[in-house]
Amino acid sequence: MKKTIQKFLKENYKFIIILFSILLIFTIRFPYYIDAPGGITDMREKIIIDGYESKGSFNLAYVKEYNATIPTLLFALVNPDFKILKKEDVLLDSETSKSYLLRDKILMNESISNAISVAYRYANKDIKVISNKLYVTYVVEGSKTNLKTGDEILSINNKTVSSKDEISEIVESLNFNDKLDIKVKNDDKEYSRYAYIMDNEKEKKIGILISNVKEYDTYP
């Protein structure tokens, strides 16, 4: 068996080296991101209004973002529609790619939530909030907390919170360096977290960014 493997490697070493080199070229990632045209989607099949037939097209244009590899970097250098971004221009301080993608997903859901609210209120149609969730989207480096991106904040100091203003009111009612006991949910499990109130240029902060994602009962 050993001699068979040695014979195979000896007879195919050039092919193996080329294959390994190609694999490295397409998989090694650089500290850059590539913004590229994504395409256009016709939204008519996704938007249905009873008693109304749409005319023409209603298109959604989108972009794609890639981790930079040698091929994508070279292509971006010669294609004006591709934009090269430094890693630090995409990720916030101390943020990982995983937490960035999670933050991006939460912000997208918040954007959709806000769009639904604006559309129905502008059309003077009934809309009712049935779910109101607060998510941690970023933890500032140096914050005295063990909160994580993606945590859904349920309560602070045993008080249920449902808005950013309520969190701000709790923080403002306490003193610098006071500890907050925070109950959160993450991946369908509840956890006990904490955060200390910091002095940020004489303002009371706990060093996190929060997104408010709502779900609605709408008519029609």
C-alpha atoms as a PDB file:
ATOM      1  CA  MET A   1       0.000   0.000   0.000  1.00  0.00           C
ATOM      2  CA  LYS A   2       2.811   2.383   0.916  1.00  0.00           C
ATOM      3  CA  LYS A   3       4.656   1.676  -2.338  1.00  0.00           C
ATOM      4  CA  THR A   4       1.437   2.227  -4.313  1.00  0.00           C
ATOM      5  CA  ILE A   5       0.959   5.659  -2.715  1.00  0.00           C
ATOM      6  CA  GLN A   6       4.595   6.593  -3.289  1.00  0.00           C
ATOM      7  CA  LYS A   7       4.326   5.527  -6.941  1.00  0.00           C
ATOM      8  CA  PHE A   8       1.145   7.564  -7.411  1.00  0.00           C
ATOM      9  CA  LEU A   9       2.721  10.665  -5.842  1.00  0.00           C
ATOM     10  CA  LYS A  10       5.860  10.287  -7.932  1.00  0.00           C
ATOM     11  CA  GLU A  11       3.937   9.909 -11.174  1.00  0.00           C
ATOM     12  CA  ASN A  12       1.432  12.710 -10.451  1.00  0.00           C
ATOM     13  CA  TYR A  13       3.355  15.205  -8.314  1.00  0.00           C
ATOM     14  CA  LYS A  14       3.127  17.968 -10.939  1.00  0.00           C
ATOM     15  CA  PHE A  15      -0.640  17.591 -11.175  1.00  0.00           C
ATOM     16  CA  ILE A  16      -0.948  17.564  -7.370  1.00  0.00           C
ATOM     17  CA  ILE A  17       1.157  20.741  -7.054  1.00  0.00           C
ATOM     18  CA  ILE A  18      -0.923  22.525  -9.718  1.00  0.00           C
ATOM     19  CA  LEU A  19      -4.173  21.400  -8.112  1.00  0.00           C
ATOM     20  CA  PHE A  20      -3.024  22.532  -4.662  1.00  0.00           C
ATOM     21  CA  SER A  21      -1.887  25.904  -6.075  1.00  0.00           C
ATOM     22  CA  ILE A  22      -5.245  26.490  -7.772  1.00  0.00           C
ATOM     23  CA  LEU A  23      -7.014  25.589  -4.535  1.00  0.00           C
ATOM     24  CA  LEU A  24      -4.941  28.151  -2.620  1.00  0.00           C
ATOM     25  CA  ILE A  25      -5.527  30.852  -5.229  1.00  0.00           C
ATOM     26  CA  PHE A  26      -9.296  30.501  -4.961  1.00  0.00           C
ATOM     27  CA  THR A  27      -9.540  30.029  -1.186  1.00  0.00           C
ATOM     28  CA  ILE A  28      -6.954  32.337   0.416  1.00  0.00           C
ATOM     29  CA  ARG A  29      -8.800  35.393   1.692  1.00  0.00           C
ATOM     30  CA  PHE A  30      -7.382  38.885   1.979  1.00  0.00           C
ATOM     31  CA  PRO A  31      -8.367  41.697   4.377  1.00  0.00           C
ATOM     32  CA  TYR A  32     -10.630  43.221   1.744  1.00  0.00           C
ATOM     33  CA  TYR A  33     -14.235  42.907   0.601  1.00  0.00           C
ATOM     34  CA  ILE A  34     -15.570  43.226  -2.926  1.00  0.00           C
ATOM     35  CA  ASP A  35     -18.866  45.016  -3.620  1.00  0.00           C
ATOM     36  CA  ALA A  36     -20.236  43.809  -6.959  1.00  0.00           C
ATOM     37  CA  PRO A  37     -23.460  44.180  -8.963  1.00  0.00           C
ATOM     38  CA  GLY A  38     -25.888  41.522  -7.841  1.00  0.00           C
ATOM     39  CA  GLY A  39     -28.729  41.781 -10.342  1.00  0.00           C
ATOM     40  CA  ILE A  40     -32.367  42.791 -10.657  1.00  0.00           C
ATOM     41  CA  THR A  41     -35.404  40.905  -9.346  1.00  0.00           C
ATOM     42  CA  ASP A  42     -38.934  41.560 -10.546  1.00  0.00           C
ATOM     43  CA  MET A  43     -41.000  41.911  -7.356  1.00  0.00           C
ATOM     44  CA  ARG A  44     -44.447  41.528  -8.976  1.00  0.00           C
ATOM     45  CA  GLU A  45     -44.704  37.871  -7.954  1.00  0.00           C
ATOM     46  CA  LYS A  46     -43.810  38.762  -4.362  1.00  0.00           C
ATOM     47  CA  ILE A  47     -46.273  41.643  -3.964  1.00  0.00           C
ATOM     48  CA  ILE A  48     -49.922  40.588  -4.071  1.00  0.00           C
ATOM     49  CA  ILE A  49     -52.785  43.019  -3.402  1.00  0.00           C
ATOM     50  CA  ASP A  50     -56.342  41.671  -3.454  1.00  0.00           C
ATOM     51  CA  GLY A  51     -58.430  43.240  -6.226  1.00  0.00           C
ATOM     52  CA  TYR A  52     -55.488  44.983  -7.880  1.00  0.00           C
ATOM     53  CA  GLU A  53     -53.504  43.895 -10.909  1.00  0.00           C
ATOM     54  CA  SER A  54     -50.152  45.560 -11.332  1.00  0.00           C
ATOM     55  CA  LYS A  55     -48.917  46.892 -14.656  1.00  0.00           C
ATOM     56  CA  GLY A  56     -45.375  47.129 -15.863  1.00  0.00           C
ATOM     57  CA  SER A  57     -42.576  45.917 -13.603  1.00  0.00           C
ATOM     58  CA  PHE A  58     -41.440  46.686 -10.079  1.00  0.00           C
ATOM     59  CA  ASN A  59     -37.768  45.823  -9.776  1.00  0.00           C
ATOM     60  CA  LEU A  60     -35.429  45.371  -6.862  1.00  0.00           C
ATOM     61  CA  ALA A  61     -31.767  46.024  -7.588  1.00  0.00           C
ATOM     62  CA  TYR A  62     -29.202  44.560  -5.228  1.00  0.00           C
ATOM     63  CA  VAL A  63     -25.466  44.208  -4.741  1.00  0.00           C
ATOM     64  CA  LYS A  64     -23.363  41.273  -3.603  1.00  0.00           C
ATOM     65  CA  GLU A  65     -20.418  41.345  -1.253  1.00  0.00           C
ATOM     66  CA  TYR A  66     -17.545  38.879  -1.423  1.00  0.00           C
ATOM     67  CA  ASN A  67     -14.516  38.133   0.697  1.00  0.00           C
ATOM     68  CA  ALA A  68     -11.571  39.100  -1.473  1.00  0.00           C
ATOM     69  CA  THR A  69      -9.528  36.324  -3.076  1.00  0.00           C
ATOM     70  CA  ILE A  70      -6.842  36.628  -5.739  1.00  0.00           C
ATOM     71  CA  PRO A  71      -9.288  36.177  -8.683  1.00  0.00           C
ATOM     72  CA  THR A  72     -11.912  38.589  -7.316  1.00  0.00           C
ATOM     73  CA  LEU A  73      -9.268  41.209  -6.488  1.00  0.00           C
ATOM     74  CA  LEU A  74      -7.755  41.032  -9.969  1.00  0.00           C
ATOM     75  CA  PHE A  75     -11.183  41.241 -11.594  1.00  0.00           C
ATOM     76  CA  ALA A  76     -12.183  44.186  -9.389  1.00  0.00           C
ATOM     77  CA  LEU A  77      -9.038  46.088 -10.377  1.00  0.00           C
ATOM     78  CA  VAL A  78     -10.047  46.091 -14.056  1.00  0.00           C
ATOM     79  CA  ASN A  79     -13.836  46.323 -13.653  1.00  0.00           C
ATOM     80  CA  PRO A  80     -15.189  49.768 -12.656  1.00  0.00           C
ATOM     81  CA  ASP A  81     -18.470  48.215 -11.420  1.00  0.00           C
ATOM     82  CA  PHE A  82     -16.611  46.294  -8.714  1.00  0.00           C
ATOM     83  CA  LYS A  83     -15.517  48.189  -5.607  1.00  0.00           C
ATOM     84  CA  ILE A  84     -12.701  47.106  -3.302  1.00  0.00           C
ATOM     85  CA  LEU A  85     -13.284  47.893   0.371  1.00  0.00           C
ATOM     86  CA  LYS A  86     -10.802  47.593   3.202  1.00  0.00           C
ATOM     87  CA  LYS A  87     -11.788  45.237   5.975  1.00  0.00           C
ATOM     88  CA  GLU A  88     -11.797  48.078   8.506  1.00  0.00           C
ATOM     89  CA  ASP A  89     -14.265  49.993   6.300  1.00  0.00           C
ATOM     90  CA  VAL A  90     -16.745  47.095   6.537  1.00  0.00           C
ATOM     91  CA  LEU A  91     -16.214  45.631   9.995  1.00  0.00           C
ATOM     92  CA  LEU A  92     -16.542  47.743  13.122  1.00  0.00           C
ATOM     93  CA  ASP A  93     -13.750  47.696  15.717  1.00  0.00           C
ATOM     94  CA  SER A  94     -13.176  44.199  17.165  1.00  0.00           C
ATOM     95  CA  GLU A  95     -16.010  42.790  15.031  1.00  0.00           C
ATOM     96  CA  THR A  96     -15.623  39.366  13.430  1.00  0.00           C
ATOM     97  CA  SER A  97     -16.961  38.367  10.016  1.00  0.00           C
ATOM     98  CA  LYS A  98     -19.531  36.132  11.744  1.00  0.00           C
ATOM     99  CA  SER A  99     -20.872  38.912  13.984  1.00  0.00           C
ATOM    100  CA  TYR A 100     -20.854  41.315  10.997  1.00  0.00           C
ATOM    101  CA  LEU A 101     -23.089  38.953   8.990  1.00  0.00           C
ATOM    102  CA  LEU A 102     -25.385  38.573  11.997  1.00  0.00           C
ATOM    103  CA  ARG A 103     -25.548  42.359  12.473  1.00  0.00           C
ATOM    104  CA  ASP A 104     -26.296  42.752   8.768  1.00  0.00           C
ATOM    105  CA  LYS A 105     -29.145  40.224   8.984  1.00  0.00           C
ATOM    106  CA  ILE A 106     -30.695  41.958  12.011  1.00  0.00           C
ATOM    107  CA  LEU A 107     -30.434  45.377  10.329  1.00  0.00           C
ATOM    108  CA  MET A 108     -32.117  43.969   7.214  1.00  0.00           C
ATOM    109  CA  ASN A 109     -34.994  42.646   9.318  1.00  0.00           C
ATOM    110  CA  GLU A 110     -35.279  46.021  11.055  1.00  0.00           C
ATOM    111  CA  SER A 111     -35.361  47.738   7.654  1.00  0.00           C
ATOM    112  CA  ILE A 112     -38.143  45.429   6.450  1.00  0.00           C
ATOM    113  CA  SER A 113     -40.049  46.060   9.678  1.00  0.00           C
ATOM    114  CA  ASN A 114     -39.778  49.823   9.241  1.00  0.00           C
ATOM    115  CA  ALA A 115     -40.775  49.638   5.562  1.00  0.00           C
ATOM    116  CA  ILE A 116     -43.965  47.707   6.371  1.00  0.00           C
ATOM    117  CA  SER A 117     -44.901  50.229   9.046  1.00  0.00           C
ATOM    118  CA  VAL A 118     -44.317  53.238   6.793  1.00  0.00           C
ATOM    119  CA  ALA A 119     -46.217  51.701   3.860  1.00  0.00           C
ATOM    120  CA  TYR A 120     -49.335  50.822   5.846  1.00  0.00           C
ATOM    121  CA  ARG A 121     -49.478  54.061   7.780  1.00  0.00           C
ATOM    122  CA  TYR A 122     -48.991  56.078   4.589  1.00  0.00           C
ATOM    123  CA  ALA A 123     -51.848  54.136   2.974  1.00  0.00           C
ATOM    124  CA  ASN A 124     -54.037  54.684   6.068  1.00  0.00           C
ATOM    125  CA  LYS A 125     -54.469  50.927   6.495  1.00  0.00           C
ATOM    126  CA  ASP A 126     -54.773  48.949   9.717  1.00  0.00           C
ATOM    127  CA  ILE A 127     -51.534  47.769  11.289  1.00  0.00           C
ATOM    128  CA  LYS A 128     -50.984  46.226  14.702  1.00  0.00           C
ATOM    129  CA  VAL A 129     -47.709  45.332  16.419  1.00  0.00           C
ATOM    130  CA  ILE A 130     -47.744  41.663  17.478  1.00  0.00           C
ATOM    131  CA  SER A 131     -44.043  41.232  18.222  1.00  0.00           C
ATOM    132  CA  ASN A 132     -41.472  43.769  19.373  1.00  0.00           C
ATOM    133  CA  LYS A 133     -37.896  42.592  19.844  1.00  0.00           C
ATOM    134  CA  LEU A 134     -34.677  44.377  20.780  1.00  0.00           C
ATOM    135  CA  TYR A 135     -31.457  42.871  19.455  1.00  0.00           C
ATOM    136  CA  VAL A 136     -27.833  43.675  20.252  1.00  0.00           C
ATOM    137  CA  THR A 137     -26.173  44.409  16.905  1.00  0.00           C
ATOM    138  CA  TYR A 138     -22.749  45.516  18.135  1.00  0.00           C
ATOM    139  CA  VAL A 139     -20.716  45.565  21.335  1.00  0.00           C
ATOM    140  CA  VAL A 140     -18.220  48.422  21.522  1.00  0.00           C
ATOM    141  CA  GLU A 141     -14.650  47.355  22.244  1.00  0.00           C
ATOM    142  CA  GLY A 142     -13.764  48.076  25.864  1.00  0.00           C
ATOM    143  CA  SER A 143     -17.346  47.879  27.132  1.00  0.00           C
ATOM    144  CA  LYS A 144     -17.786  46.233  30.526  1.00  0.00           C
ATOM    145  CA  THR A 145     -20.357  43.681  29.423  1.00  0.00           C
ATOM    146  CA  ASN A 146     -20.705  40.086  28.289  1.00  0.00           C
ATOM    147  CA  LEU A 147     -23.564  40.842  25.902  1.00  0.00           C
ATOM    148  CA  LYS A 148     -23.130  39.317  22.451  1.00  0.00           C
ATOM    149  CA  THR A 149     -24.250  40.291  18.966  1.00  0.00           C
ATOM    150  CA  GLY A 150     -27.599  38.612  18.332  1.00  0.00           C
ATOM    151  CA  ASP A 151     -28.766  38.703  21.963  1.00  0.00           C
ATOM    152  CA  GLU A 152     -32.455  39.558  22.255  1.00  0.00           C
ATOM    153  CA  ILE A 153     -32.845  41.752  25.355  1.00  0.00           C
ATOM    154  CA  LEU A 154     -35.800  40.596  27.466  1.00  0.00           C
ATOM    155  CA  SER A 155     -35.397  42.503  30.741  1.00  0.00           C
ATOM    156  CA  ILE A 156     -33.020  44.750  32.658  1.00  0.00           C
ATOM    157  CA  ASN A 157     -32.886  44.582  36.466  1.00  0.00           C
ATOM    158  CA  ASN A 158     -36.008  42.381  36.353  1.00  0.00           C
ATOM    159  CA  LYS A 159     -37.924  45.021  34.362  1.00  0.00           C
ATOM    160  CA  THR A 160     -39.271  43.964  30.958  1.00  0.00           C
ATOM    161  CA  VAL A 161     -38.140  46.327  28.183  1.00  0.00           C
ATOM    162  CA  SER A 162     -39.665  46.740  24.738  1.00  0.00           C
ATOM    163  CA  SER A 163     -38.043  49.894  23.352  1.00  0.00           C
ATOM    164  CA  LYS A 164     -34.703  51.679  23.153  1.00  0.00           C
ATOM    165  CA  ASP A 165     -36.179  54.569  25.141  1.00  0.00           C
ATOM    166  CA  GLU A 166     -37.008  52.254  28.054  1.00  0.00           C
ATOM    167  CA  ILE A 167     -33.414  51.028  28.133  1.00  0.00           C
ATOM    168  CA  SER A 168     -32.148  54.622  28.058  1.00  0.00           C
ATOM    169  CA  GLU A 169     -34.471  55.557  30.938  1.00  0.00           C
ATOM    170  CA  ILE A 170     -33.128  52.710  33.079  1.00  0.00           C
ATOM    171  CA  VAL A 171     -29.524  53.641  32.323  1.00  0.00           C
ATOM    172  CA  GLU A 172     -30.158  57.340  33.040  1.00  0.00           C
ATOM    173  CA  SER A 173     -31.787  56.522  36.398  1.00  0.00           C
ATOM    174  CA  LEU A 174     -28.598  54.861  37.670  1.00  0.00           C
ATOM    175  CA  ASN A 175     -25.038  55.990  38.364  1.00  0.00           C
ATOM    176  CA  PHE A 176     -21.727  55.529  36.607  1.00  0.00           C
ATOM    177  CA  ASN A 177     -20.228  52.048  37.227  1.00  0.00           C
ATOM    178  CA  ASP A 178     -23.581  50.625  38.352  1.00  0.00           C
ATOM    179  CA  LYS A 179     -24.168  47.068  37.165  1.00  0.00           C
ATOM    180  CA  LEU A 180     -27.173  46.067  35.072  1.00  0.00           C
ATOM    181  CA  ASP A 181     -28.514  42.513  35.285  1.00  0.00           C
ATOM    182  CA  ILE A 182     -29.774  41.690  31.816  1.00  0.00           C
ATOM    183  CA  LYS A 183     -31.822  38.694  30.735  1.00  0.00           C
ATOM    184  CA  VAL A 184     -31.473  37.788  27.060  1.00  0.00           C
ATOM    185  CA  LYS A 185     -32.460  35.108  24.583  1.00  0.00           C
ATOM    186  CA  ASN A 186     -30.063  33.715  22.008  1.00  0.00           C
ATOM    187  CA  ASP A 187     -30.651  30.626  19.826  1.00  0.00           C
ATOM    188  CA  ASP A 188     -33.888  29.960  21.738  1.00  0.00           C
ATOM    189  CA  LYS A 189     -32.041  29.766  25.069  1.00  0.00           C
ATOM    190  CA  GLU A 190     -32.206  32.318  27.878  1.00  0.00           C
ATOM    191  CA  TYR A 191     -29.034  33.692  29.478  1.00  0.00           C
ATOM    192  CA  SER A 192     -28.151  36.061  32.295  1.00  0.00           C
ATOM    193  CA  ARG A 193     -25.818  38.810  31.099  1.00  0.00           C
ATOM    194  CA  TYR A 194     -24.471  41.972  32.687  1.00  0.00           C
ATOM    195  CA  ALA A 195     -23.315  45.442  31.709  1.00  0.00           C
ATOM    196  CA  TYR A 196     -21.731  48.290  33.660  1.00  0.00           C
ATOM    197  CA  ILE A 197     -22.658  51.912  33.027  1.00  0.00           C
ATOM    198  CA  MET A 198     -19.669  53.751  31.574  1.00  0.00           C
ATOM    199  CA  ASP A 199     -18.767  57.426  31.466  1.00  0.00           C
ATOM    200  CA  ASN A 200     -18.632  58.374  27.791  1.00  0.00           C
ATOM    201  CA  GLU A 201     -17.841  62.090  27.727  1.00  0.00           C
ATOM    202  CA  LYS A 202     -20.127  62.643  30.731  1.00  0.00           C
ATOM    203  CA  GLU A 203     -22.896  60.558  29.143  1.00  0.00           C
ATOM    204  CA  LYS A 204     -24.102  57.261  30.598  1.00  0.00           C
ATOM    205  CA  LYS A 205     -23.571  54.427  28.145  1.00  0.00           C
ATOM    206  CA  ILE A 206     -23.324  50.635  28.275  1.00  0.00           C
ATOM    207  CA  GLY A 207     -21.454  50.339  24.990  1.00  0.00           C
ATOM    208  CA  ILE A 208     -23.874  48.524  22.699  1.00  0.00           C
ATOM    209  CA  LEU A 209     -25.902  49.230  19.576  1.00  0.00           C
ATOM    210  CA  ILE A 210     -29.499  47.996  19.486  1.00  0.00           C
ATOM    211  CA  SER A 211     -31.956  47.308  16.674  1.00  0.00           C
ATOM    212  CA  ASN A 212     -35.722  47.181  17.118  1.00  0.00           C
ATOM    213  CA  VAL A 213     -37.415  44.532  14.954  1.00  0.00           C
ATOM    214  CA  LYS A 214     -41.212  44.403  14.905  1.00  0.00           C
ATOM    215  CA  GLU A 215     -43.730  42.003  13.402  1.00  0.00           C
ATOM    216  CA  TYR A 216     -47.182  43.211  12.407  1.00  0.00           C
ATOM    217  CA  ASP A 217     -50.721  42.003  11.932  1.00  0.00           C
ATOM    218  CA  THR A 218     -51.806  43.902   8.828  1.00  0.00           C
ATOM    219  CA  TYR A 219     -55.016  44.412   6.865  1.00  0.00           C
ATOM    220  CA  PRO A 220     -55.160  43.913   3.981  1.00  0.00           C
END
